[in-house]
Amino acid sequence: MSATTVTWLFLLSALGLGLAALPLIAGRVPPNRWYGFRVPRTLADPQVWYPANAYAGKLLLAHALLLAAATLLLPRLWPELSADAYAWWLTAVLVGGLLLVLVLSLRHLNAL
């Protein structure tokens, strides 16, 4: 896979994450089993669902911006990076960031 293909795939991933985050931040997503920060406590109480999802959405949007920045900056900061290594680094940013969003969202949920 070429570096250009990797770049487009991860930019589209960042765009998708960012677009998915916006309705959560705006409180437009009612409790459901398919979309949002879905854990038993958020699903059981709309008073918990909306603030928990707004917080998770903000983190997800920040992660999307970080992923887009990493996608654009990594090849410029590390020009000798192979396309495979570039894809692995971006995968680490994507997965690591999603795990961080999950952990921070769960911690926020416990504080509600």
PDB file of N, CA and C in Angstrom:
ATOM      1  N   MET A   1       0.853  -1.170   0.000  1.00  0.00           N
ATOM      2  CA  MET A   1       0.000   0.000   0.000  1.00  0.00           C
ATOM      3  C   MET A   1       0.902   1.236   0.000  1.00  0.00           C
ATOM      4  N   SER A   2       0.539   2.217  -0.770  1.00  0.00           N
ATOM      5  CA  SER A   2       1.361   3.420  -0.858  1.00  0.00           C
ATOM      6  C   SER A   2       1.084   4.363   0.307  1.00  0.00           C
ATOM      7  N   ALA A   3       2.025   5.255   0.551  1.00  0.00           N
ATOM      8  CA  ALA A   3       1.863   6.244   1.619  1.00  0.00           C
ATOM      9  C   ALA A   3       0.666   7.158   1.333  1.00  0.00           C
ATOM     10  N   THR A   4       0.429   7.434   0.066  1.00  0.00           N
ATOM     11  CA  THR A   4      -0.726   8.274  -0.297  1.00  0.00           C
ATOM     12  C   THR A   4      -2.032   7.586   0.076  1.00  0.00           C
ATOM     13  N   THR A   5      -2.114   6.299  -0.180  1.00  0.00           N
ATOM     14  CA  THR A   5      -3.314   5.536   0.180  1.00  0.00           C
ATOM     15  C   THR A   5      -3.495   5.518   1.693  1.00  0.00           C
ATOM     16  N   VAL A   6      -2.410   5.303   2.412  1.00  0.00           N
ATOM     17  CA  VAL A   6      -2.466   5.306   3.884  1.00  0.00           C
ATOM     18  C   VAL A   6      -2.952   6.660   4.374  1.00  0.00           C
ATOM     19  N   THR A   7      -2.411   7.727   3.799  1.00  0.00           N
ATOM     20  CA  THR A   7      -2.814   9.079   4.192  1.00  0.00           C
ATOM     21  C   THR A   7      -4.310   9.267   4.009  1.00  0.00           C
ATOM     22  N   TRP A   8      -4.826   8.916   2.852  1.00  0.00           N
ATOM     23  CA  TRP A   8      -6.258   9.098   2.588  1.00  0.00           C
ATOM     24  C   TRP A   8      -7.125   8.238   3.499  1.00  0.00           C
ATOM     25  N   LEU A   9      -6.708   6.998   3.734  1.00  0.00           N
ATOM     26  CA  LEU A   9      -7.493   6.127   4.614  1.00  0.00           C
ATOM     27  C   LEU A   9      -7.596   6.700   6.032  1.00  0.00           C
ATOM     28  N   PHE A  10      -6.484   7.198   6.552  1.00  0.00           N
ATOM     29  CA  PHE A  10      -6.517   7.715   7.914  1.00  0.00           C
ATOM     30  C   PHE A  10      -7.163   9.100   7.993  1.00  0.00           C
ATOM     31  N   LEU A  11      -7.037   9.906   6.948  1.00  0.00           N
ATOM     32  CA  LEU A  11      -7.763  11.182   6.944  1.00  0.00           C
ATOM     33  C   LEU A  11      -9.266  10.944   6.887  1.00  0.00           C
ATOM     34  N   LEU A  12      -9.692   9.961   6.093  1.00  0.00           N
ATOM     35  CA  LEU A  12     -11.115   9.620   6.045  1.00  0.00           C
ATOM     36  C   LEU A  12     -11.587   9.043   7.377  1.00  0.00           C
ATOM     37  N   SER A  13     -10.740   8.269   8.041  1.00  0.00           N
ATOM     38  CA  SER A  13     -11.073   7.752   9.370  1.00  0.00           C
ATOM     39  C   SER A  13     -11.239   8.898  10.362  1.00  0.00           C
ATOM     40  N   ALA A  14     -10.330   9.848  10.314  1.00  0.00           N
ATOM     41  CA  ALA A  14     -10.424  11.007  11.209  1.00  0.00           C
ATOM     42  C   ALA A  14     -11.693  11.802  10.919  1.00  0.00           C
ATOM     43  N   LEU A  15     -12.005  11.978   9.649  1.00  0.00           N
ATOM     44  CA  LEU A  15     -13.227  12.692   9.274  1.00  0.00           C
ATOM     45  C   LEU A  15     -14.463  11.958   9.791  1.00  0.00           C
ATOM     46  N   GLY A  16     -14.485  10.636   9.634  1.00  0.00           N
ATOM     47  CA  GLY A  16     -15.616   9.845  10.125  1.00  0.00           C
ATOM     48  C   GLY A  16     -15.779   9.958  11.634  1.00  0.00           C
ATOM     49  N   LEU A  17     -14.679   9.878  12.363  1.00  0.00           N
ATOM     50  CA  LEU A  17     -14.746  10.024  13.829  1.00  0.00           C
ATOM     51  C   LEU A  17     -15.259  11.407  14.205  1.00  0.00           C
ATOM     52  N   GLY A  18     -14.739  12.417  13.530  1.00  0.00           N
ATOM     53  CA  GLY A  18     -15.169  13.783  13.829  1.00  0.00           C
ATOM     54  C   GLY A  18     -16.641  14.002  13.543  1.00  0.00           C
ATOM     55  N   LEU A  19     -17.103  13.489  12.413  1.00  0.00           N
ATOM     56  CA  LEU A  19     -18.522  13.637  12.074  1.00  0.00           C
ATOM     57  C   LEU A  19     -19.415  12.842  13.024  1.00  0.00           C
ATOM     58  N   ALA A  20     -18.940  11.692  13.483  1.00  0.00           N
ATOM     59  CA  ALA A  20     -19.718  10.908  14.449  1.00  0.00           C
ATOM     60  C   ALA A  20     -19.783  11.609  15.799  1.00  0.00           C
ATOM     61  N   ALA A  21     -18.763  12.387  16.134  1.00  0.00           N
ATOM     62  CA  ALA A  21     -18.714  13.062  17.429  1.00  0.00           C
ATOM     63  C   ALA A  21     -19.673  14.249  17.514  1.00  0.00           C
ATOM     64  N   LEU A  22     -19.892  14.940  16.419  1.00  0.00           N
ATOM     65  CA  LEU A  22     -20.673  16.191  16.456  1.00  0.00           C
ATOM     66  C   LEU A  22     -22.098  16.021  16.989  1.00  0.00           C
ATOM     67  N   PRO A  23     -22.891  15.042  16.531  1.00  0.00           N
ATOM     68  CA  PRO A  23     -24.241  14.885  17.095  1.00  0.00           C
ATOM     69  C   PRO A  23     -24.221  14.517  18.584  1.00  0.00           C
ATOM     70  N   LEU A  24     -23.184  13.801  19.013  1.00  0.00           N
ATOM     71  CA  LEU A  24     -23.069  13.457  20.437  1.00  0.00           C
ATOM     72  C   LEU A  24     -22.836  14.718  21.262  1.00  0.00           C
ATOM     73  N   ILE A  25     -21.951  15.571  20.786  1.00  0.00           N
ATOM     74  CA  ILE A  25     -21.651  16.827  21.487  1.00  0.00           C
ATOM     75  C   ILE A  25     -22.899  17.695  21.561  1.00  0.00           C
ATOM     76  N   ALA A  26     -23.660  17.733  20.469  1.00  0.00           N
ATOM     77  CA  ALA A  26     -24.849  18.584  20.392  1.00  0.00           C
ATOM     78  C   ALA A  26     -26.051  18.014  21.127  1.00  0.00           C
ATOM     79  N   GLY A  27     -25.940  16.800  21.650  1.00  0.00           N
ATOM     80  CA  GLY A  27     -27.074  16.198  22.358  1.00  0.00           C
ATOM     81  C   GLY A  27     -28.194  15.765  21.433  1.00  0.00           C
ATOM     82  N   ARG A  28     -27.861  15.435  20.197  1.00  0.00           N
ATOM     83  CA  ARG A  28     -28.858  15.060  19.196  1.00  0.00           C
ATOM     84  C   ARG A  28     -29.139  13.560  19.136  1.00  0.00           C
ATOM     85  N   VAL A  29     -28.382  12.769  19.895  1.00  0.00           N
ATOM     86  CA  VAL A  29     -28.520  11.318  19.823  1.00  0.00           C
ATOM     87  C   VAL A  29     -29.216  10.823  21.086  1.00  0.00           C
ATOM     88  N   PRO A  30     -30.451  10.343  20.960  1.00  0.00           N
ATOM     89  CA  PRO A  30     -31.145   9.825  22.139  1.00  0.00           C
ATOM     90  C   PRO A  30     -30.560   8.468  22.550  1.00  0.00           C
ATOM     91  N   PRO A  31     -30.857   8.029  23.756  1.00  0.00           N
ATOM     92  CA  PRO A  31     -30.369   6.712  24.178  1.00  0.00           C
ATOM     93  C   PRO A  31     -30.787   5.628  23.182  1.00  0.00           C
ATOM     94  N   ASN A  32     -29.828   4.826  22.787  1.00  0.00           N
ATOM     95  CA  ASN A  32     -30.066   3.742  21.837  1.00  0.00           C
ATOM     96  C   ASN A  32     -28.960   2.708  21.990  1.00  0.00           C
ATOM     97  N   ARG A  33     -29.103   1.587  21.353  1.00  0.00           N
ATOM     98  CA  ARG A  33     -28.121   0.503  21.491  1.00  0.00           C
ATOM     99  C   ARG A  33     -27.096   0.479  20.364  1.00  0.00           C
ATOM    100  N   TRP A  34     -27.095   1.464  19.462  1.00  0.00           N
ATOM    101  CA  TRP A  34     -26.215   1.399  18.294  1.00  0.00           C
ATOM    102  C   TRP A  34     -25.187   2.500  18.224  1.00  0.00           C
ATOM    103  N   TYR A  35     -25.470   3.671  18.763  1.00  0.00           N
ATOM    104  CA  TYR A  35     -24.622   4.828  18.494  1.00  0.00           C
ATOM    105  C   TYR A  35     -24.508   5.672  19.750  1.00  0.00           C
ATOM    106  N   GLY A  36     -23.300   5.891  20.202  1.00  0.00           N
ATOM    107  CA  GLY A  36     -23.050   6.701  21.378  1.00  0.00           C
ATOM    108  C   GLY A  36     -22.232   5.938  22.403  1.00  0.00           C
ATOM    109  N   PHE A  37     -22.073   6.536  23.553  1.00  0.00           N
ATOM    110  CA  PHE A  37     -21.336   5.924  24.666  1.00  0.00           C
ATOM    111  C   PHE A  37     -22.330   5.034  25.402  1.00  0.00           C
ATOM    112  N   ARG A  38     -22.383   3.761  24.990  1.00  0.00           N
ATOM    113  CA  ARG A  38     -23.410   2.828  25.433  1.00  0.00           C
ATOM    114  C   ARG A  38     -22.866   1.878  26.484  1.00  0.00           C
ATOM    115  N   VAL A  39     -23.189   2.178  27.700  1.00  0.00           N
ATOM    116  CA  VAL A  39     -22.909   1.282  28.823  1.00  0.00           C
ATOM    117  C   VAL A  39     -24.207   1.201  29.618  1.00  0.00           C
ATOM    118  N   PRO A  40     -24.366   0.202  30.479  1.00  0.00           N
ATOM    119  CA  PRO A  40     -25.648   0.057  31.173  1.00  0.00           C
ATOM    120  C   PRO A  40     -26.124   1.335  31.864  1.00  0.00           C
ATOM    121  N   ARG A  41     -25.219   2.067  32.484  1.00  0.00           N
ATOM    122  CA  ARG A  41     -25.645   3.262  33.226  1.00  0.00           C
ATOM    123  C   ARG A  41     -26.161   4.362  32.302  1.00  0.00           C
ATOM    124  N   THR A  42     -25.521   4.570  31.148  1.00  0.00           N
ATOM    125  CA  THR A  42     -26.007   5.603  30.231  1.00  0.00           C
ATOM    126  C   THR A  42     -27.314   5.182  29.566  1.00  0.00           C
ATOM    127  N   LEU A  43     -27.446   3.910  29.268  1.00  0.00           N
ATOM    128  CA  LEU A  43     -28.672   3.426  28.633  1.00  0.00           C
ATOM    129  C   LEU A  43     -29.866   3.465  29.582  1.00  0.00           C
ATOM    130  N   ALA A  44     -29.603   3.390  30.871  1.00  0.00           N
ATOM    131  CA  ALA A  44     -30.683   3.334  31.859  1.00  0.00           C
ATOM    132  C   ALA A  44     -31.264   4.696  32.207  1.00  0.00           C
ATOM    133  N   ASP A  45     -30.502   5.779  31.958  1.00  0.00           N
ATOM    134  CA  ASP A  45     -30.941   7.080  32.446  1.00  0.00           C
ATOM    135  C   ASP A  45     -30.580   8.187  31.452  1.00  0.00           C
ATOM    136  N   PRO A  46     -31.572   8.813  30.822  1.00  0.00           N
ATOM    137  CA  PRO A  46     -31.276   9.914  29.903  1.00  0.00           C
ATOM    138  C   PRO A  46     -30.545  11.081  30.572  1.00  0.00           C
ATOM    139  N   GLN A  47     -30.738  11.249  31.882  1.00  0.00           N
ATOM    140  CA  GLN A  47     -30.036  12.317  32.606  1.00  0.00           C
ATOM    141  C   GLN A  47     -28.531  12.046  32.669  1.00  0.00           C
ATOM    142  N   VAL A  48     -28.143  10.807  32.487  1.00  0.00           N
ATOM    143  CA  VAL A  48     -26.726  10.427  32.443  1.00  0.00           C
ATOM    144  C   VAL A  48     -26.259  10.325  30.993  1.00  0.00           C
ATOM    145  N   TRP A  49     -27.146   9.820  30.120  1.00  0.00           N
ATOM    146  CA  TRP A  49     -26.796   9.609  28.717  1.00  0.00           C
ATOM    147  C   TRP A  49     -26.251  10.878  28.058  1.00  0.00           C
ATOM    148  N   TYR A  50     -26.994  11.969  28.153  1.00  0.00           N
ATOM    149  CA  TYR A  50     -26.628  13.168  27.399  1.00  0.00           C
ATOM    150  C   TYR A  50     -25.309  13.789  27.861  1.00  0.00           C
ATOM    151  N   PRO A  51     -25.080  14.010  29.160  1.00  0.00           N
ATOM    152  CA  PRO A  51     -23.781  14.571  29.536  1.00  0.00           C
ATOM    153  C   PRO A  51     -22.615  13.614  29.282  1.00  0.00           C
ATOM    154  N   ALA A  52     -22.836  12.323  29.483  1.00  0.00           N
ATOM    155  CA  ALA A  52     -21.762  11.352  29.240  1.00  0.00           C
ATOM    156  C   ALA A  52     -21.408  11.311  27.757  1.00  0.00           C
ATOM    157  N   ASN A  53     -22.408  11.359  26.901  1.00  0.00           N
ATOM    158  CA  ASN A  53     -22.150  11.331  25.469  1.00  0.00           C
ATOM    159  C   ASN A  53     -21.576  12.639  24.952  1.00  0.00           C
ATOM    160  N   ALA A  54     -21.968  13.752  25.538  1.00  0.00           N
ATOM    161  CA  ALA A  54     -21.369  15.032  25.146  1.00  0.00           C
ATOM    162  C   ALA A  54     -19.880  15.039  25.472  1.00  0.00           C
ATOM    163  N   TYR A  55     -19.529  14.548  26.649  1.00  0.00           N
ATOM    164  CA  TYR A  55     -18.128  14.480  27.051  1.00  0.00           C
ATOM    165  C   TYR A  55     -17.354  13.524  26.144  1.00  0.00           C
ATOM    166  N   ALA A  56     -17.895  12.336  25.927  1.00  0.00           N
ATOM    167  CA  ALA A  56     -17.239  11.357  25.058  1.00  0.00           C
ATOM    168  C   ALA A  56     -17.111  11.906  23.634  1.00  0.00           C
ATOM    169  N   GLY A  57     -18.124  12.619  23.177  1.00  0.00           N
ATOM    170  CA  GLY A  57     -18.077  13.217  21.839  1.00  0.00           C
ATOM    171  C   GLY A  57     -16.977  14.257  21.715  1.00  0.00           C
ATOM    172  N   LYS A  58     -16.797  15.064  22.754  1.00  0.00           N
ATOM    173  CA  LYS A  58     -15.716  16.061  22.728  1.00  0.00           C
ATOM    174  C   LYS A  58     -14.356  15.377  22.675  1.00  0.00           C
ATOM    175  N   LEU A  59     -14.198  14.314  23.450  1.00  0.00           N
ATOM    176  CA  LEU A  59     -12.938  13.567  23.414  1.00  0.00           C
ATOM    177  C   LEU A  59     -12.738  12.926  22.045  1.00  0.00           C
ATOM    178  N   LEU A  60     -13.799  12.388  21.474  1.00  0.00           N
ATOM    179  CA  LEU A  60     -13.709  11.751  20.164  1.00  0.00           C
ATOM    180  C   LEU A  60     -13.335  12.775  19.085  1.00  0.00           C
ATOM    181  N   LEU A  61     -13.896  13.965  19.175  1.00  0.00           N
ATOM    182  CA  LEU A  61     -13.554  15.023  18.222  1.00  0.00           C
ATOM    183  C   LEU A  61     -12.084  15.426  18.377  1.00  0.00           C
ATOM    184  N   ALA A  62     -11.631  15.565  19.614  1.00  0.00           N
ATOM    185  CA  ALA A  62     -10.217  15.888  19.843  1.00  0.00           C
ATOM    186  C   ALA A  62      -9.327  14.786  19.284  1.00  0.00           C
ATOM    187  N   HIS A  63      -9.733  13.542  19.464  1.00  0.00           N
ATOM    188  CA  HIS A  63      -8.960  12.424  18.928  1.00  0.00           C
ATOM    189  C   HIS A  63      -8.941  12.464  17.406  1.00  0.00           C
ATOM    190  N   ALA A  64     -10.053  12.789  16.790  1.00  0.00           N
ATOM    191  CA  ALA A  64     -10.109  12.881  15.329  1.00  0.00           C
ATOM    192  C   ALA A  64      -9.137  13.949  14.823  1.00  0.00           C
ATOM    193  N   LEU A  65      -9.090  15.073  15.508  1.00  0.00           N
ATOM    194  CA  LEU A  65      -8.157  16.138  15.120  1.00  0.00           C
ATOM    195  C   LEU A  65      -6.711  15.703  15.306  1.00  0.00           C
ATOM    196  N   LEU A  66      -6.441  14.998  16.387  1.00  0.00           N
ATOM    197  CA  LEU A  66      -5.093  14.482  16.632  1.00  0.00           C
ATOM    198  C   LEU A  66      -4.699  13.467  15.552  1.00  0.00           C
ATOM    199  N   LEU A  67      -5.610  12.588  15.191  1.00  0.00           N
ATOM    200  CA  LEU A  67      -5.333  11.598  14.149  1.00  0.00           C
ATOM    201  C   LEU A  67      -5.065  12.286  12.816  1.00  0.00           C
ATOM    202  N   ALA A  68      -5.852  13.293  12.483  1.00  0.00           N
ATOM    203  CA  ALA A  68      -5.626  14.027  11.236  1.00  0.00           C
ATOM    204  C   ALA A  68      -4.270  14.731  11.257  1.00  0.00           C
ATOM    205  N   ALA A  69      -3.934  15.340  12.389  1.00  0.00           N
ATOM    206  CA  ALA A  69      -2.633  16.013  12.504  1.00  0.00           C
ATOM    207  C   ALA A  69      -1.487  15.017  12.379  1.00  0.00           C
ATOM    208  N   ALA A  70      -1.604  13.876  13.045  1.00  0.00           N
ATOM    209  CA  ALA A  70      -0.560  12.855  12.953  1.00  0.00           C
ATOM    210  C   ALA A  70      -0.436  12.349  11.516  1.00  0.00           C
ATOM    211  N   THR A  71      -1.554  12.184  10.851  1.00  0.00           N
ATOM    212  CA  THR A  71      -1.548  11.701   9.474  1.00  0.00           C
ATOM    213  C   THR A  71      -0.798  12.667   8.556  1.00  0.00           C
ATOM    214  N   LEU A  72      -1.010  13.956   8.763  1.00  0.00           N
ATOM    215  CA  LEU A  72      -0.384  14.950   7.899  1.00  0.00           C
ATOM    216  C   LEU A  72       1.054  15.274   8.300  1.00  0.00           C
ATOM    217  N   LEU A  73       1.347  15.222   9.591  1.00  0.00           N
ATOM    218  CA  LEU A  73       2.667  15.650  10.057  1.00  0.00           C
ATOM    219  C   LEU A  73       3.713  14.544  10.095  1.00  0.00           C
ATOM    220  N   LEU A  74       3.302  13.320  10.352  1.00  0.00           N
ATOM    221  CA  LEU A  74       4.274  12.235  10.513  1.00  0.00           C
ATOM    222  C   LEU A  74       5.217  12.084   9.317  1.00  0.00           C
ATOM    223  N   PRO A  75       4.724  12.088   8.070  1.00  0.00           N
ATOM    224  CA  PRO A  75       5.655  11.943   6.946  1.00  0.00           C
ATOM    225  C   PRO A  75       6.590  13.143   6.768  1.00  0.00           C
ATOM    226  N   ARG A  76       6.163  14.303   7.241  1.00  0.00           N
ATOM    227  CA  ARG A  76       7.011  15.493   7.117  1.00  0.00           C
ATOM    228  C   ARG A  76       8.086  15.527   8.202  1.00  0.00           C
ATOM    229  N   LEU A  77       7.722  15.014   9.377  1.00  0.00           N
ATOM    230  CA  LEU A  77       8.689  14.973  10.471  1.00  0.00           C
ATOM    231  C   LEU A  77       9.641  13.788  10.366  1.00  0.00           C
ATOM    232  N   TRP A  78       9.216  12.753   9.664  1.00  0.00           N
ATOM    233  CA  TRP A  78       9.992  11.510   9.551  1.00  0.00           C
ATOM    234  C   TRP A  78       9.934  11.056   8.093  1.00  0.00           C
ATOM    235  N   PRO A  79      10.617  11.770   7.190  1.00  0.00           N
ATOM    236  CA  PRO A  79      10.474  11.512   5.750  1.00  0.00           C
ATOM    237  C   PRO A  79      10.946  10.133   5.285  1.00  0.00           C
ATOM    238  N   GLU A  80      11.870   9.513   6.001  1.00  0.00           N
ATOM    239  CA  GLU A  80      12.367   8.195   5.579  1.00  0.00           C
ATOM    240  C   GLU A  80      11.474   7.047   6.032  1.00  0.00           C
ATOM    241  N   LEU A  81      10.366   7.347   6.686  1.00  0.00           N
ATOM    242  CA  LEU A  81       9.432   6.330   7.171  1.00  0.00           C
ATOM    243  C   LEU A  81       8.801   5.594   5.988  1.00  0.00           C
ATOM    244  N   SER A  82       8.828   4.266   6.026  1.00  0.00           N
ATOM    245  CA  SER A  82       8.202   3.478   4.952  1.00  0.00           C
ATOM    246  C   SER A  82       6.681   3.565   5.066  1.00  0.00           C
ATOM    247  N   ALA A  83       6.005   3.234   3.987  1.00  0.00           N
ATOM    248  CA  ALA A  83       4.535   3.271   3.987  1.00  0.00           C
ATOM    249  C   ALA A  83       3.970   2.295   5.015  1.00  0.00           C
ATOM    250  N   ASP A  84       4.587   1.120   5.153  1.00  0.00           N
ATOM    251  CA  ASP A  84       4.113   0.144   6.141  1.00  0.00           C
ATOM    252  C   ASP A  84       4.286   0.672   7.563  1.00  0.00           C
ATOM    253  N   ALA A  85       5.438   1.240   7.854  1.00  0.00           N
ATOM    254  CA  ALA A  85       5.683   1.790   9.192  1.00  0.00           C
ATOM    255  C   ALA A  85       4.741   2.968   9.461  1.00  0.00           C
ATOM    256  N   TYR A  86       4.508   3.785   8.451  1.00  0.00           N
ATOM    257  CA  TYR A  86       3.578   4.913   8.548  1.00  0.00           C
ATOM    258  C   TYR A  86       2.183   4.401   8.925  1.00  0.00           C
ATOM    259  N   ALA A  87       1.739   3.346   8.252  1.00  0.00           N
ATOM    260  CA  ALA A  87       0.423   2.769   8.549  1.00  0.00           C
ATOM    261  C   ALA A  87       0.377   2.213   9.971  1.00  0.00           C
ATOM    262  N   TRP A  88       1.442   1.550  10.405  1.00  0.00           N
ATOM    263  CA  TRP A  88       1.474   1.006  11.769  1.00  0.00           C
ATOM    264  C   TRP A  88       1.461   2.104  12.816  1.00  0.00           C
ATOM    265  N   TRP A  89       2.219   3.172  12.600  1.00  0.00           N
ATOM    266  CA  TRP A  89       2.221   4.283  13.560  1.00  0.00           C
ATOM    267  C   TRP A  89       0.837   4.924  13.654  1.00  0.00           C
ATOM    268  N   LEU A  90       0.210   5.122  12.506  1.00  0.00           N
ATOM    269  CA  LEU A  90      -1.122   5.733  12.526  1.00  0.00           C
ATOM    270  C   LEU A  90      -2.153   4.800  13.145  1.00  0.00           C
ATOM    271  N   THR A  91      -2.011   3.508  12.936  1.00  0.00           N
ATOM    272  CA  THR A  91      -2.893   2.547  13.587  1.00  0.00           C
ATOM    273  C   THR A  91      -2.725   2.629  15.102  1.00  0.00           C
ATOM    274  N   ALA A  92      -1.488   2.784  15.555  1.00  0.00           N
ATOM    275  CA  ALA A  92      -1.236   2.932  16.996  1.00  0.00           C
ATOM    276  C   ALA A  92      -1.879   4.203  17.536  1.00  0.00           C
ATOM    277  N   VAL A  93      -1.799   5.290  16.770  1.00  0.00           N
ATOM    278  CA  VAL A  93      -2.445   6.546  17.194  1.00  0.00           C
ATOM    279  C   VAL A  93      -3.954   6.355  17.247  1.00  0.00           C
ATOM    280  N   LEU A  94      -4.510   5.721  16.229  1.00  0.00           N
ATOM    281  CA  LEU A  94      -5.955   5.499  16.169  1.00  0.00           C
ATOM    282  C   LEU A  94      -6.438   4.645  17.336  1.00  0.00           C
ATOM    283  N   VAL A  95      -5.840   3.483  17.512  1.00  0.00           N
ATOM    284  CA  VAL A  95      -6.287   2.557  18.555  1.00  0.00           C
ATOM    285  C   VAL A  95      -5.965   3.104  19.948  1.00  0.00           C
ATOM    286  N   GLY A  96      -4.758   3.629  20.123  1.00  0.00           N
ATOM    287  CA  GLY A  96      -4.386   4.191  21.429  1.00  0.00           C
ATOM    288  C   GLY A  96      -5.293   5.345  21.820  1.00  0.00           C
ATOM    289  N   GLY A  97      -5.613   6.190  20.863  1.00  0.00           N
ATOM    290  CA  GLY A  97      -6.508   7.309  21.141  1.00  0.00           C
ATOM    291  C   GLY A  97      -7.912   6.858  21.490  1.00  0.00           C
ATOM    292  N   LEU A  98      -8.412   5.850  20.787  1.00  0.00           N
ATOM    293  CA  LEU A  98      -9.747   5.336  21.102  1.00  0.00           C
ATOM    294  C   LEU A  98      -9.787   4.709  22.491  1.00  0.00           C
ATOM    295  N   LEU A  99      -8.722   4.011  22.859  1.00  0.00           N
ATOM    296  CA  LEU A  99      -8.651   3.460  24.225  1.00  0.00           C
ATOM    297  C   LEU A  99      -8.631   4.569  25.261  1.00  0.00           C
ATOM    298  N   LEU A 100      -7.880   5.634  24.981  1.00  0.00           N
ATOM    299  CA  LEU A 100      -7.834   6.766  25.905  1.00  0.00           C
ATOM    300  C   LEU A 100      -9.200   7.440  26.016  1.00  0.00           C
ATOM    301  N   VAL A 101      -9.891   7.602  24.889  1.00  0.00           N
ATOM    302  CA  VAL A 101     -11.250   8.160  24.916  1.00  0.00           C
ATOM    303  C   VAL A 101     -12.149   7.297  25.794  1.00  0.00           C
ATOM    304  N   LEU A 102     -12.052   5.990  25.659  1.00  0.00           N
ATOM    305  CA  LEU A 102     -12.866   5.076  26.462  1.00  0.00           C
ATOM    306  C   LEU A 102     -12.567   5.213  27.950  1.00  0.00           C
ATOM    307  N   VAL A 103     -11.298   5.178  28.304  1.00  0.00           N
ATOM    308  CA  VAL A 103     -10.914   5.265  29.719  1.00  0.00           C
ATOM    309  C   VAL A 103     -11.351   6.598  30.323  1.00  0.00           C
ATOM    310  N   LEU A 104     -11.081   7.692  29.629  1.00  0.00           N
ATOM    311  CA  LEU A 104     -11.464   9.004  30.161  1.00  0.00           C
ATOM    312  C   LEU A 104     -12.977   9.162  30.231  1.00  0.00           C
ATOM    313  N   SER A 105     -13.693   8.593  29.280  1.00  0.00           N
ATOM    314  CA  SER A 105     -15.157   8.663  29.306  1.00  0.00           C
ATOM    315  C   SER A 105     -15.719   7.859  30.483  1.00  0.00           C
ATOM    316  N   LEU A 106     -15.141   6.696  30.749  1.00  0.00           N
ATOM    317  CA  LEU A 106     -15.587   5.902  31.895  1.00  0.00           C
ATOM    318  C   LEU A 106     -15.286   6.620  33.209  1.00  0.00           C
ATOM    319  N   ARG A 107     -14.137   7.267  33.297  1.00  0.00           N
ATOM    320  CA  ARG A 107     -13.815   8.019  34.513  1.00  0.00           C
ATOM    321  C   ARG A 107     -14.798   9.177  34.701  1.00  0.00           C
ATOM    322  N   HIS A 108     -15.135   9.857  33.613  1.00  0.00           N
ATOM    323  CA  HIS A 108     -16.105  10.949  33.703  1.00  0.00           C
ATOM    324  C   HIS A 108     -17.475  10.414  34.113  1.00  0.00           C
ATOM    325  N   LEU A 109     -17.856   9.282  33.558  1.00  0.00           N
ATOM    326  CA  LEU A 109     -19.136   8.667  33.915  1.00  0.00           C
ATOM    327  C   LEU A 109     -19.207   8.386  35.404  1.00  0.00           C
ATOM    328  N   ASN A 110     -18.125   7.895  35.975  1.00  0.00           N
ATOM    329  CA  ASN A 110     -18.106   7.622  37.416  1.00  0.00           C
ATOM    330  C   ASN A 110     -18.234   8.881  38.252  1.00  0.00           C
ATOM    331  N   ALA A 111     -17.852  10.017  37.699  1.00  0.00           N
ATOM    332  CA  ALA A 111     -17.957  11.285  38.422  1.00  0.00           C
ATOM    333  C   ALA A 111     -19.360  11.902  38.319  1.00  0.00           C
ATOM    334  N   LEU A 112     -20.183  11.413  37.396  1.00  0.00           N
ATOM    335  CA  LEU A 112     -21.546  11.973  37.244  1.00  0.00           C
ATOM    336  C   LEU A 112     -22.463  11.498  38.358  1.00  0.00           C
TER     337      LEU A 112
END
